[in-house]
Structure formats: structure tokens, C-alpha cells
Amino acid sequence: MNESSNQADTTSPSTHIGTTSFSMNGTSNKTSNKTSQTNSSFSGTASSSTNGTHRERGVSQTKASQMKASQMKASQTKASQMKASQTNGVSRTTSEWAVEAEGLVKIFGQNRAVDGVHLKVPTGTIYGVLGPNGAGKTTTIRMLATLLRPDAGTARVFGHDVTKEPQIVRQLIGVTGQYASVDETLSATENLILFSRLLGLSRSEARRKANDLLEEFGLTEAAKRPLKKFSGGMRRRLDLAASLIAQPPLIFLDEPTTGLDPRTRAQMWGTIRRLVKTGSTVLLTTQYLDEADQLADRIAVIDSGRVVAEGTVDELKETAGTAALQLRLQDTHQMNTARDIVNRVLKVQATESPESGKLTAPLRDADRVTDLLVALRQSGIHLTEFSVQKPTLDEVFLAITGHGVETQAGASDAMATHAMESQTAENKKEAVRG
């Protein structure tokens, strides 16, 4: 399941509040007993000044207890209001921005894995984060999901600061990491029921939710099979299903289709689109250019820990140059003549590929294409293929960064994974302390 749900027993607001309440009451009782014993042992012998001192301490302790109780009550009220605002599993949020990150920095030793990332994710959209291995995508996600503490910068989720209000942020998000976090000793149904119960669903609701998700992800036939007998793709689908039990307002999907076959990938894309239609916001990291092209409303390109470009797919493609006109000739012996006509009519320099019988030319003025086709026909040049090719995201990435999407080693995010594992216990303790 997602990393945040793995901490459900320690990071949920109810657990946090309950722990605080228990600690406060325990401290109060010990203080009361200690005060009673002290008063009894010094009864009849203490001076009036000493009694005055004890009274002052008692008043101070009472005020401190009242302040803690007030803070605890405010926290309970806020948590109750957030739960009450949920409709069909998705909290109603009025913030224009699901995520606002400014100057996020994370350093591991001498390596700046994230070096001043700025992001603004509009509510109700699919936002793609594209970059090579080691670019800092996963580290950024973990900071936004409260799993890593930023070394610098600020980040807010629906207006809530991820470092100052982590408990509230965790109520609003779901996280699906790169590796399946389900229990291999349990069946698919048992995993989903377990996570549902941890999220507060009743037994009947948990079983119904598990059955619905298993059907949606095509896992019904394998529902009772132990996960150790699942393929990698099946585990990936179950992991995503587990993160959708509560369908939070913001879902982080860290390379969700890694290792999936094309049919399952297409099914996953459909599920992601459905999540947005039903009210969620999705922040998606990926190395698959076609995935970002198909899904994302806006894309941020991250390289070496920095956002090097941001915009819609079309806006980013425009940065890589103009569209290209491609012509395939029926008679390759007419290549030189056709090239001269293209250069003259379109006023550009065409390039030829004699082996394939194809001409390619930059398309700067689409209105001239009709004139070109007429000129080719008048010269007796016949075409077998005609197409206009926009720049691909691969070309965009090459133009922006100077290298391909999968050329770097995953050093930064590997360090983030190691650091996250060693910091998980510390995060749990921090969540309990508040």
C-alpha cells in the first residue's frame, strides 16, 4: 500500500490525539500525587512563603494543563471538521492549488538531490513530473508527502504546511511508491480488508470495498491467492488499489505503471482519469514520455534536482521547434525534383531519406501546404504518404536537457529511498509527539 497508509496506526489524527491525551492525563495525575505527597510531608512545618511558592507552582501547572487541553480540543475539532467535510471518500477542498512548493531542497551528504524545486499543482488536474532516473522526482514526492523533511524551502498541500501540519496533510493524501508495499503472506482480499479496517471502515464496508477494487483492477480471480504467487504487475495493481480505498483529494503516484504490460498500463490510465473525474487531484511521476503525453494536463520537467521547464504538453512541444511535414514519394527517382519544389513553395530546407523515399521539412506556415500539394501534382509527383509530425516529448526533453530521459543513474532517488527507510521510525515518533 502507499507509504502514508503504512503509518496509519501512528500518524492518524485520532492516534495522535489519543496519545497526547494519555500523556497529558498521566502527567497530570503524577503531578497531583507528587504535590499531595509533598504537602503531606511538609504539613505543619512549611513556612507561609513555602506554601505560597507551592501555590504559584500549582497555578502554573494548572495553566499549562489548560493550554494543552485547549490545544488538544482544537486539534480534535479540526480533525472532526475535516472528516465531516468528506463526501464519497473525497474531501471537499476550496483551495485553488493542491500543491504549492517553493524552493524545496534536500541534501544527502555531498549530493543535492533536490535543488530548489518550485511547483504549483492546480486542484482537480493530472500533473506530470517528468525526468530521468536520479533527477529528484521521488525525493520531491516524499517531501510533499511528509515522508522526508525538506532541508530548505516550503511546501503546502491544500494550504496546509507539510512540516508544520503533517497530520492534517496525511489525511488529505494517498501515496503509491515505486515498489509494492502490500503483505505477501496475505491474499489480495485480506490485504485490502486490512487496509480498509485501518482506515476506519466497518467489516462489511471493508469487504465490499475490497471486492469493488478487485473487480476494477481485474484481480477477482486471484482474490484468494497469496501475494507471493502474484506477478509483479499484479502486485502493482493491488498496491494502487490499496491506495484508493479512501480516495483522498490528492494522490501521489510515483511511476505507477513501471513493469506493467501495455494492456494493464492502458487500464491504469483509465483508472487515473476516473479519479480526477470523481474529484481527486493526481501528481504523477513517470519516465514514460507517452504516459505524460496521454495523461497530464500540465508537466514539469525535472533534471538534476531542478525544474527546467513547465507547461502544457503543447507549450513544451513548441519549445522543441516547429512541426515537421513528412512526404513519402511513390517514385524515389523524383526525390531531387520534389525537394526543390518543397524548398521553393514552403521557403524552407527539406531533408531527404533516399532509402525510405521520404522528404522531411519544417512546417512554419500551414497555409502553404495546399500550394505545395498542387505544385507536386502539376509536376507529376505522386505521394504514398503525407503527414504532419509534432515534436515528441522525447525531442522536448532532449532540447531542454541535452540528454535522454533514461540516461542518468538513479543515485539521488536511491539515496532518498535509503534515507526514507532510516527515517521512518523518526517520523512516526514525531507524529506521536505532534
Protein backbone atom coordinates (compact mmCIF):
# COMPACT_ATOMS: atom_id res chain seq x y z
CA MET A 1 0.00 0.00 0.00
CA ASN A 2 1.08 3.61 -0.01
CA GLU A 3 3.76 4.76 2.38
CA SER A 4 1.46 7.04 4.35
CA SER A 5 -1.01 4.24 4.97
CA ASN A 6 1.79 2.08 6.35
CA GLN A 7 1.94 4.56 9.21
CA ALA A 8 -1.79 4.60 9.78
CA ASP A 9 -1.50 3.31 13.32
CA THR A 10 0.83 6.10 14.37
CA THR A 11 0.17 9.08 12.19
CA SER A 12 -3.59 9.37 12.06
CA PRO A 13 -5.05 12.34 13.94
CA SER A 14 -7.10 10.13 16.26
CA THR A 15 -4.00 8.19 17.31
CA HIS A 16 -2.06 11.40 17.74
CA ILE A 17 -4.80 12.99 19.84
CA GLY A 18 -5.30 9.85 21.91
CA THR A 19 -1.60 9.61 22.66
CA THR A 20 -1.42 13.24 23.62
CA SER A 21 -4.46 12.86 25.87
CA PHE A 22 -2.99 9.80 27.58
CA SER A 23 0.37 11.52 28.15
CA MET A 24 -1.27 14.65 29.48
CA ASN A 25 -3.53 12.81 31.91
CA GLY A 26 -0.68 10.64 33.10
CA THR A 27 1.48 13.69 33.71
CA SER A 28 -1.35 15.46 35.50
CA ASN A 29 -2.04 12.50 37.81
CA LYS A 30 1.65 12.12 38.65
CA THR A 31 1.90 15.83 39.33
CA SER A 32 -1.19 15.74 41.54
CA ASN A 33 0.10 12.75 43.54
CA LYS A 34 3.52 14.31 43.91
CA THR A 35 2.02 17.60 45.05
CA SER A 36 -0.22 15.77 47.54
CA GLN A 37 2.73 13.83 48.99
CA THR A 38 4.83 16.98 49.22
CA ASN A 39 2.07 18.90 51.02
CA SER A 40 1.55 15.98 53.41
CA SER A 41 5.23 15.64 54.35
CA PHE A 42 5.67 19.33 54.91
CA SER A 43 2.31 19.84 56.62
CA GLY A 44 2.57 21.97 59.75
CA THR A 45 6.27 22.71 59.19
CA ALA A 46 6.43 24.69 55.98
CA SER A 47 6.53 28.42 56.21
CA SER A 48 3.91 30.63 54.62
CA SER A 49 6.42 31.63 51.93
CA THR A 50 6.95 27.98 51.01
CA ASN A 51 3.19 27.43 50.81
CA GLY A 52 2.98 30.47 48.60
CA THR A 53 5.61 29.03 46.31
CA HIS A 54 3.71 25.75 46.03
CA ARG A 55 0.52 27.64 45.26
CA GLU A 56 2.29 29.52 42.47
CA ARG A 57 3.61 26.26 41.05
CA GLY A 58 0.15 24.75 41.26
CA VAL A 59 -1.36 27.67 39.38
CA SER A 60 1.39 27.42 36.74
CA GLN A 61 0.80 23.69 36.30
CA THR A 62 -2.94 24.24 36.05
CA LYS A 63 -2.48 26.88 33.33
CA ALA A 64 -0.13 24.57 31.40
CA SER A 65 -2.66 21.75 31.61
CA GLN A 66 -5.44 24.06 30.48
CA MET A 67 -3.35 25.19 27.50
CA LYS A 68 -2.63 21.59 26.49
CA ALA A 69 -6.29 20.70 26.84
CA SER A 70 -7.26 23.70 24.72
CA GLN A 71 -4.76 22.77 22.01
CA MET A 72 -5.92 19.15 22.06
CA LYS A 73 -9.55 20.20 21.78
CA ALA A 74 -8.74 22.47 18.83
CA SER A 75 -6.93 19.60 17.12
CA GLN A 76 -9.88 17.26 17.72
CA THR A 77 -12.29 19.86 16.36
CA LYS A 78 -10.19 20.40 13.23
CA ALA A 79 -9.92 16.67 12.59
CA SER A 80 -13.67 16.24 13.08
CA GLN A 81 -14.40 19.07 10.67
CA MET A 82 -12.16 17.52 8.03
CA LYS A 83 -13.82 14.14 8.41
CA ALA A 84 -17.25 15.75 8.23
CA SER A 85 -16.27 17.51 5.02
CA GLN A 86 -15.69 14.23 3.18
CA THR A 87 -18.20 13.26 0.50
CA ASN A 88 -17.96 9.88 -1.28
CA GLY A 89 -14.43 9.45 0.05
CA VAL A 90 -13.12 12.72 -1.36
CA SER A 91 -12.72 15.73 0.93
CA ARG A 92 -14.18 18.98 -0.31
CA THR A 93 -11.30 21.40 -0.66
CA THR A 94 -11.68 25.04 -1.61
CA SER A 95 -8.01 25.73 -2.30
CA GLU A 96 -7.14 26.68 -5.87
CA TRP A 97 -3.84 24.84 -5.57
CA ALA A 98 -3.48 21.23 -4.48
CA VAL A 99 0.29 21.62 -4.11
CA GLU A 100 2.44 24.72 -3.72
CA ALA A 101 6.19 24.14 -3.37
CA GLU A 102 8.73 26.93 -3.22
CA GLY A 103 12.48 26.35 -3.23
CA LEU A 104 12.45 22.77 -1.92
CA VAL A 105 15.93 21.46 -1.16
CA LYS A 106 17.07 18.03 0.05
CA ILE A 107 20.73 17.16 0.56
CA PHE A 108 22.22 13.69 1.12
CA GLY A 109 25.85 14.08 2.08
CA GLN A 110 27.50 15.99 -0.77
CA ASN A 111 24.62 15.38 -3.16
CA ARG A 112 21.84 17.94 -3.62
CA ALA A 113 19.12 15.51 -4.67
CA VAL A 114 16.57 18.33 -4.89
CA ASP A 115 17.94 21.79 -5.53
CA GLY A 116 15.24 24.47 -5.30
CA VAL A 117 12.14 22.86 -6.80
CA HIS A 118 9.13 25.11 -7.44
CA LEU A 119 5.75 23.52 -8.22
CA LYS A 120 2.14 24.71 -8.34
CA VAL A 121 -0.39 21.96 -9.00
CA PRO A 122 -3.95 23.15 -9.79
CA THR A 123 -6.74 21.35 -7.94
CA GLY A 124 -8.63 18.77 -9.99
CA THR A 125 -5.92 18.08 -12.57
CA ILE A 126 -3.36 15.43 -13.51
CA TYR A 127 0.07 16.97 -13.07
CA GLY A 128 3.01 15.11 -14.55
CA VAL A 129 6.58 15.27 -13.25
CA LEU A 130 8.92 14.05 -15.95
CA GLY A 131 12.62 13.33 -15.59
CA PRO A 132 15.41 10.77 -15.84
CA ASN A 133 16.49 8.37 -13.11
CA GLY A 134 18.12 10.31 -10.31
CA ALA A 135 16.56 13.63 -11.28
CA GLY A 136 14.94 14.04 -7.84
CA LYS A 137 11.33 13.10 -8.66
CA THR A 138 10.88 10.55 -5.89
CA THR A 139 12.66 12.71 -3.32
CA THR A 140 10.33 15.60 -4.16
CA ILE A 141 7.27 13.37 -3.78
CA ARG A 142 8.45 12.14 -0.38
CA MET A 143 8.93 15.65 0.90
CA LEU A 144 5.45 16.66 -0.28
CA ALA A 145 4.01 13.51 1.35
CA THR A 146 5.68 14.32 4.73
CA LEU A 147 7.95 11.24 4.47
CA LEU A 148 11.11 13.37 4.24
CA ARG A 149 11.73 16.73 5.88
CA PRO A 150 12.97 19.43 3.47
CA ASP A 151 16.35 20.98 4.25
CA ALA A 152 15.09 24.29 2.83
CA GLY A 153 12.02 25.74 1.17
CA THR A 154 8.33 25.38 1.93
CA ALA A 155 5.51 23.19 0.66
CA ARG A 156 1.75 23.28 1.21
CA VAL A 157 -0.97 20.77 0.40
CA PHE A 158 -4.36 22.45 0.05
CA GLY A 159 -2.92 25.32 2.07
CA HIS A 160 -1.51 23.16 4.89
CA ASP A 161 2.23 23.29 5.54
CA VAL A 162 3.79 19.83 5.20
CA THR A 163 6.27 20.41 8.06
CA LYS A 164 4.02 22.32 10.47
CA GLU A 165 0.77 20.40 9.86
CA PRO A 166 1.86 16.90 8.81
CA GLN A 167 -1.07 15.13 10.48
CA ILE A 168 -3.60 17.17 8.52
CA VAL A 169 -1.65 16.75 5.28
CA ARG A 170 -1.63 12.96 5.74
CA GLN A 171 -5.43 12.98 5.91
CA LEU A 172 -5.55 14.63 2.51
CA ILE A 173 -3.14 12.46 0.54
CA GLY A 174 -2.52 8.95 -0.71
CA VAL A 175 0.89 7.73 -1.88
CA THR A 176 1.76 4.87 -4.19
CA GLY A 177 5.52 4.42 -4.34
CA GLN A 178 7.70 2.67 -6.90
CA TYR A 179 7.63 -0.63 -5.04
CA ALA A 180 4.56 -2.56 -3.89
CA SER A 181 4.06 -2.26 -0.13
CA VAL A 182 1.45 -4.98 0.33
CA ASP A 183 1.85 -8.01 2.62
CA GLU A 184 2.96 -11.03 0.59
CA THR A 185 1.78 -13.52 3.21
CA LEU A 186 -1.85 -12.40 2.85
CA SER A 187 -4.24 -12.74 -0.05
CA ALA A 188 -5.36 -9.79 -2.15
CA THR A 189 -8.71 -9.68 -0.37
CA GLU A 190 -7.10 -9.88 3.08
CA ASN A 191 -4.70 -7.05 2.22
CA LEU A 192 -7.47 -4.73 1.10
CA ILE A 193 -9.69 -5.59 4.06
CA LEU A 194 -6.78 -4.99 6.46
CA PHE A 195 -6.03 -1.56 5.00
CA SER A 196 -9.73 -0.69 4.92
CA ARG A 197 -10.12 -1.54 8.58
CA LEU A 198 -7.04 0.54 9.45
CA LEU A 199 -8.69 3.45 7.65
CA GLY A 200 -11.80 3.10 9.83
CA LEU A 201 -14.23 1.16 7.63
CA SER A 202 -16.55 -1.40 9.23
CA ARG A 203 -16.14 -5.10 8.44
CA SER A 204 -18.96 -5.10 5.90
CA GLU A 205 -17.78 -1.85 4.30
CA ALA A 206 -14.21 -3.14 4.15
CA ARG A 207 -15.24 -6.36 2.40
CA ARG A 208 -17.47 -4.50 -0.05
CA LYS A 209 -14.71 -2.01 -0.86
CA ALA A 210 -12.20 -4.83 -1.34
CA ASN A 211 -14.48 -6.66 -3.76
CA ASP A 212 -15.15 -3.49 -5.76
CA LEU A 213 -11.45 -2.67 -6.10
CA LEU A 214 -10.51 -6.25 -7.00
CA GLU A 215 -13.08 -6.20 -9.78
CA GLU A 216 -11.98 -2.79 -11.05
CA PHE A 217 -8.34 -3.88 -11.28
CA GLY A 218 -9.06 -7.29 -12.76
CA LEU A 219 -7.92 -9.25 -9.72
CA THR A 220 -11.15 -11.03 -8.80
CA GLU A 221 -9.97 -14.46 -9.95
CA ALA A 222 -6.79 -14.13 -7.89
CA ALA A 223 -8.51 -12.62 -4.85
CA LYS A 224 -7.79 -15.56 -2.53
CA ARG A 225 -4.31 -16.32 -3.83
CA PRO A 226 -1.31 -15.42 -1.59
CA LEU A 227 0.56 -12.41 -2.95
CA LYS A 228 3.83 -14.31 -3.10
CA LYS A 229 2.31 -16.08 -6.11
CA PHE A 230 1.38 -12.79 -7.84
CA SER A 231 3.30 -11.41 -10.80
CA GLY A 232 4.99 -8.02 -10.49
CA GLY A 233 2.23 -6.35 -12.49
CA MET A 234 -0.49 -7.88 -10.31
CA ARG A 235 1.21 -6.64 -7.14
CA ARG A 236 1.50 -3.19 -8.68
CA ARG A 237 -2.22 -3.12 -9.44
CA LEU A 238 -3.08 -4.26 -5.91
CA ASP A 239 -0.78 -1.63 -4.42
CA LEU A 240 -2.57 1.10 -6.35
CA ALA A 241 -5.95 -0.37 -5.40
CA ALA A 242 -4.98 -0.18 -1.73
CA SER A 243 -4.10 3.49 -2.05
CA LEU A 244 -7.54 4.21 -3.49
CA ILE A 245 -9.58 2.77 -0.61
CA ALA A 246 -10.32 6.19 0.87
CA GLN A 247 -9.75 8.08 -2.41
CA PRO A 248 -8.13 11.14 -0.84
CA PRO A 249 -8.27 14.57 -2.51
CA LEU A 250 -4.60 14.34 -3.57
CA ILE A 251 -2.93 11.18 -4.82
CA PHE A 252 0.82 10.86 -5.42
CA LEU A 253 1.63 8.19 -8.00
CA ASP A 254 5.36 7.57 -8.24
CA GLU A 255 5.92 5.80 -11.59
CA PRO A 256 2.69 3.79 -11.17
CA THR A 257 2.93 1.77 -14.40
CA THR A 258 6.52 0.58 -14.07
CA GLY A 259 6.70 -3.09 -15.05
CA LEU A 260 3.14 -3.30 -16.36
CA ASP A 261 2.21 -4.77 -19.72
CA PRO A 262 0.61 -2.42 -22.31
CA ARG A 263 -2.95 -3.58 -21.62
CA THR A 264 -2.62 -3.11 -17.86
CA ARG A 265 -0.96 0.27 -18.41
CA ALA A 266 -3.92 1.40 -20.51
CA GLN A 267 -6.28 0.16 -17.79
CA MET A 268 -4.29 2.08 -15.18
CA TRP A 269 -4.54 5.23 -17.28
CA GLY A 270 -8.31 4.84 -17.34
CA THR A 271 -8.38 4.50 -13.56
CA ILE A 272 -6.28 7.64 -13.12
CA ARG A 273 -8.63 9.62 -15.38
CA ARG A 274 -11.61 8.33 -13.38
CA LEU A 275 -10.01 9.51 -10.13
CA VAL A 276 -9.80 13.07 -11.44
CA LYS A 277 -13.38 12.98 -12.74
CA THR A 278 -14.59 11.97 -9.28
CA GLY A 279 -12.80 14.85 -7.56
CA SER A 280 -9.20 13.88 -6.86
CA THR A 281 -6.01 15.62 -7.94
CA VAL A 282 -3.20 13.37 -9.20
CA LEU A 283 0.52 14.19 -9.12
CA LEU A 284 2.19 11.63 -11.36
CA THR A 285 5.91 11.00 -11.80
CA THR A 286 7.00 8.99 -14.81
CA GLN A 287 9.83 8.16 -17.16
CA TYR A 288 7.37 7.17 -19.89
CA LEU A 289 7.02 10.07 -22.29
CA ASP A 290 3.86 8.70 -23.87
CA GLU A 291 2.29 8.34 -20.42
CA ALA A 292 2.87 12.02 -19.62
CA ASP A 293 1.65 12.94 -23.10
CA GLN A 294 -1.56 10.92 -22.70
CA LEU A 295 -2.48 11.84 -19.12
CA ALA A 296 -1.01 15.11 -17.89
CA ASP A 297 -2.80 18.46 -18.05
CA ARG A 298 0.50 20.13 -17.19
CA ILE A 299 4.05 18.81 -16.98
CA ALA A 300 7.12 19.83 -15.01
CA VAL A 301 10.46 18.61 -16.38
CA ILE A 302 12.96 17.95 -13.58
CA ASP A 303 16.66 17.48 -14.24
CA SER A 304 19.48 17.41 -11.67
CA GLY A 305 17.08 18.33 -8.87
CA ARG A 306 15.63 21.41 -10.60
CA VAL A 307 12.52 22.22 -12.61
CA VAL A 308 13.94 23.14 -16.02
CA ALA A 309 10.62 23.56 -17.86
CA GLU A 310 6.91 23.66 -17.03
CA GLY A 311 3.71 23.98 -19.03
CA THR A 312 1.08 22.09 -21.00
CA VAL A 313 2.16 19.36 -23.40
CA ASP A 314 1.65 21.64 -26.41
CA GLU A 315 3.54 24.51 -24.77
CA LEU A 316 6.51 22.25 -24.07
CA LYS A 317 6.47 20.83 -27.58
CA GLU A 318 6.63 24.32 -29.02
CA THR A 319 9.95 24.84 -27.22
CA ALA A 320 11.46 21.98 -29.23
CA GLY A 321 10.75 23.66 -32.55
CA THR A 322 8.06 23.64 -35.20
CA ALA A 323 6.10 20.71 -36.54
CA ALA A 324 7.57 18.71 -39.42
CA LEU A 325 5.96 17.87 -42.77
CA GLN A 326 6.75 14.37 -43.99
CA LEU A 327 6.20 13.21 -47.57
CA ARG A 328 6.80 9.72 -48.93
CA LEU A 329 7.21 9.53 -52.70
CA GLN A 330 5.83 6.83 -54.96
CA ASP A 331 8.84 7.13 -57.26
CA THR A 332 12.11 7.70 -55.36
CA HIS A 333 13.81 8.80 -58.60
CA GLN A 334 11.84 12.06 -58.31
CA MET A 335 13.38 12.88 -54.92
CA ASN A 336 15.56 15.77 -56.10
CA THR A 337 12.73 17.40 -58.03
CA ALA A 338 10.32 17.05 -55.13
CA ARG A 339 12.88 18.51 -52.73
CA ASP A 340 13.36 21.57 -54.92
CA ILE A 341 9.59 22.13 -55.08
CA VAL A 342 9.28 21.85 -51.28
CA ASN A 343 12.11 24.32 -50.75
CA ARG A 344 10.62 26.79 -53.23
CA VAL A 345 6.98 26.65 -52.07
CA LEU A 346 7.49 26.36 -48.29
CA LYS A 347 10.65 28.52 -48.28
CA VAL A 348 12.49 26.05 -46.05
CA GLN A 349 15.28 23.49 -46.41
CA ALA A 350 13.93 19.95 -46.75
CA THR A 351 15.98 16.88 -45.86
CA GLU A 352 15.71 13.63 -47.79
CA SER A 353 15.96 9.96 -46.93
CA PRO A 354 16.55 8.10 -50.23
CA GLU A 355 16.29 4.66 -48.62
CA SER A 356 12.76 5.26 -47.37
CA GLY A 357 11.76 7.63 -50.17
CA LYS A 358 10.79 10.27 -47.59
CA LEU A 359 11.19 14.04 -47.51
CA THR A 360 11.01 15.98 -44.22
CA ALA A 361 10.64 19.75 -43.95
CA PRO A 362 9.92 22.21 -41.11
CA LEU A 363 6.30 23.38 -41.26
CA ARG A 364 6.31 27.05 -40.34
CA ASP A 365 3.30 28.11 -42.40
CA ALA A 366 0.49 25.53 -42.63
CA ASP A 367 -1.36 27.65 -45.21
CA ARG A 368 1.33 26.86 -47.81
CA VAL A 369 0.71 23.09 -47.66
CA THR A 370 -2.16 23.29 -50.15
CA ASP A 371 0.05 25.19 -52.62
CA LEU A 372 2.73 22.52 -52.20
CA LEU A 373 0.37 19.65 -52.96
CA VAL A 374 -0.87 21.43 -56.09
CA ALA A 375 2.70 22.08 -57.26
CA LEU A 376 3.68 18.45 -56.74
CA ARG A 377 0.67 17.20 -58.70
CA GLN A 378 1.35 19.59 -61.57
CA SER A 379 4.90 18.21 -61.76
CA GLY A 380 3.59 14.63 -61.91
CA ILE A 381 4.95 13.69 -58.48
CA HIS A 382 2.68 11.26 -56.64
CA LEU A 383 2.70 10.65 -52.87
CA THR A 384 2.06 7.44 -50.95
CA GLU A 385 2.13 9.12 -47.55
CA PHE A 386 1.57 12.61 -46.19
CA SER A 387 1.75 13.57 -42.51
CA VAL A 388 2.42 16.41 -40.10
CA GLN A 389 4.52 15.37 -37.12
CA LYS A 390 4.61 17.48 -33.98
CA PRO A 391 7.73 17.32 -31.78
CA THR A 392 7.60 14.41 -29.34
CA LEU A 393 8.20 14.79 -25.62
CA ASP A 394 11.42 12.88 -26.17
CA GLU A 395 12.56 15.64 -28.51
CA VAL A 396 11.38 18.20 -25.97
CA PHE A 397 13.45 16.58 -23.24
CA LEU A 398 16.50 16.37 -25.47
CA ALA A 399 16.10 20.02 -26.44
CA ILE A 400 15.74 21.14 -22.80
CA THR A 401 18.31 18.95 -21.05
CA GLY A 402 20.64 17.78 -23.80
CA HIS A 403 20.22 14.09 -22.90
CA GLY A 404 17.57 11.40 -22.94
CA VAL A 405 15.10 10.56 -20.21
CA GLU A 406 16.75 7.31 -19.06
CA THR A 407 20.46 8.16 -19.26
CA GLN A 408 21.25 9.03 -15.66
CA ALA A 409 21.85 6.59 -12.85
CA GLY A 410 19.32 6.72 -10.05
CA ALA A 411 21.76 7.89 -7.37
CA SER A 412 19.67 10.71 -5.93
CA ASP A 413 16.46 8.77 -5.56
CA ALA A 414 18.34 5.69 -4.35
CA MET A 415 19.75 7.83 -1.56
CA ALA A 416 16.25 9.10 -0.86
CA THR A 417 14.98 5.53 -0.55
CA HIS A 418 17.73 4.62 1.91
CA ALA A 419 17.21 7.83 3.89
CA MET A 420 13.47 7.31 3.98
CA GLU A 421 13.86 3.80 5.39
CA SER A 422 16.14 5.04 8.18
CA GLN A 423 13.88 8.00 8.94
CA THR A 424 10.54 6.16 9.04
CA ALA A 425 10.78 5.41 12.76
CA GLU A 426 11.75 9.00 13.49
CA ASN A 427 8.77 10.30 11.50
CA LYS A 428 6.43 8.04 13.47
CA LYS A 429 7.82 9.31 16.78
CA GLU A 430 7.48 12.89 15.57
CA ALA A 431 3.88 12.30 14.54
CA VAL A 432 3.04 10.96 18.02
CA ARG A 433 4.80 13.87 19.70
CA GLY A 434 2.87 16.29 17.47
